[in-house]
Every structure is written in structure tokens, then in C-alpha cells.
Amino acid sequence: MKTKQNKTAGEPAMPSRPEDFEERVRQRAYELWEASGCPQGFEANHWFQAEHEVSALYAKPSAG
């Protein structure tokens, strides 16, 4: 059974599927890559940083 969670503006909704989490990581890794000037050879660094950031967002305790 899914529970509905309140969320404030700007906070991501908890992904309902692993594919959603992976897509958020992929998007964030791309943002990090672009922000760092699109360097070659740092794909894993951007991916791991994105994974860490996205995981931290979902690990925050929900209010209420």
C-alpha cells in the first residue's frame, strides 16, 4: 500500500520505482557534468556525486 506524503515546493517526490531514482541520478549527473565544463573522463565522479546527492534528498525524514 502506498502512502501519500506531503511535500513542500522544491522537494522531490519519493520515487515509486527504482527506474525513477536512476533517472533523477542521471539528470543530476548530467547537470554536474555541464556545470564543470563538460570534461571527459570524469563520468564516474559525476555519477557518484549525483547518486550521493539524490540519496540524501530521499533520506531526509518527512515532517508530520
Protein backbone atom coordinates (compact mmCIF):
# COMPACT_ATOMS: atom_id res chain seq x y z
CA MET A 1 0.00 0.00 0.00
CA LYS A 2 1.38 3.38 -0.97
CA THR A 3 1.22 6.24 1.47
CA LYS A 4 0.82 9.78 0.32
CA GLN A 5 3.50 12.11 1.60
CA ASN A 6 3.21 15.84 1.99
CA LYS A 7 5.93 17.69 0.20
CA THR A 8 6.90 21.31 0.08
CA ALA A 9 7.75 23.20 -3.06
CA GLY A 10 11.18 22.34 -4.40
CA GLU A 11 11.46 18.95 -2.68
CA PRO A 12 11.40 15.89 -4.91
CA ALA A 13 8.66 13.32 -4.54
CA MET A 14 9.84 9.96 -3.28
CA PRO A 15 10.39 7.77 -6.35
CA SER A 16 7.91 4.95 -6.63
CA ARG A 17 10.20 2.82 -8.81
CA PRO A 18 13.94 2.20 -8.93
CA GLU A 19 13.89 3.49 -12.50
CA ASP A 20 12.67 6.87 -11.23
CA PHE A 21 15.55 7.11 -8.77
CA GLU A 22 18.03 6.20 -11.50
CA GLU A 23 16.55 8.81 -13.82
CA ARG A 24 16.93 11.50 -11.15
CA VAL A 25 20.56 10.45 -10.63
CA ARG A 26 21.15 10.52 -14.39
CA GLN A 27 19.70 14.03 -14.67
CA ARG A 28 21.74 15.32 -11.74
CA ALA A 29 24.95 13.75 -13.05
CA TYR A 30 24.39 15.50 -16.37
CA GLU A 31 23.85 18.82 -14.58
CA LEU A 32 27.09 18.33 -12.64
CA TRP A 33 28.96 17.44 -15.84
CA GLU A 34 27.69 20.55 -17.62
CA ALA A 35 28.44 22.79 -14.62
CA SER A 36 32.02 21.55 -14.54
CA GLY A 37 32.61 22.40 -18.20
CA CYS A 38 31.79 19.02 -19.80
CA PRO A 39 35.15 17.36 -19.06
CA GLN A 40 35.91 13.94 -20.48
CA GLY A 41 36.94 11.07 -18.19
CA PHE A 42 35.02 12.13 -15.06
CA GLU A 43 31.76 10.31 -15.70
CA ALA A 44 32.05 8.11 -12.61
CA ASN A 45 32.82 11.09 -10.38
CA HIS A 46 29.71 12.93 -11.54
CA TRP A 47 27.58 9.80 -11.26
CA PHE A 48 28.71 9.02 -7.70
CA GLN A 49 28.25 12.62 -6.60
CA ALA A 50 24.76 12.70 -8.14
CA GLU A 51 23.88 9.38 -6.51
CA HIS A 52 25.01 10.72 -3.13
CA GLU A 53 23.02 13.96 -3.52
CA VAL A 54 19.83 12.27 -4.67
CA SER A 55 20.07 9.61 -1.95
CA ALA A 56 20.48 12.35 0.67
CA LEU A 57 17.32 14.06 -0.54
CA TYR A 58 15.29 10.90 -0.05
CA ALA A 59 16.90 10.09 3.28
CA LYS A 60 15.60 13.28 4.92
CA PRO A 61 12.94 12.44 7.49
CA SER A 62 9.49 13.55 6.42
CA ALA A 63 7.75 16.16 8.52
CA GLY A 64 4.45 15.22 10.05
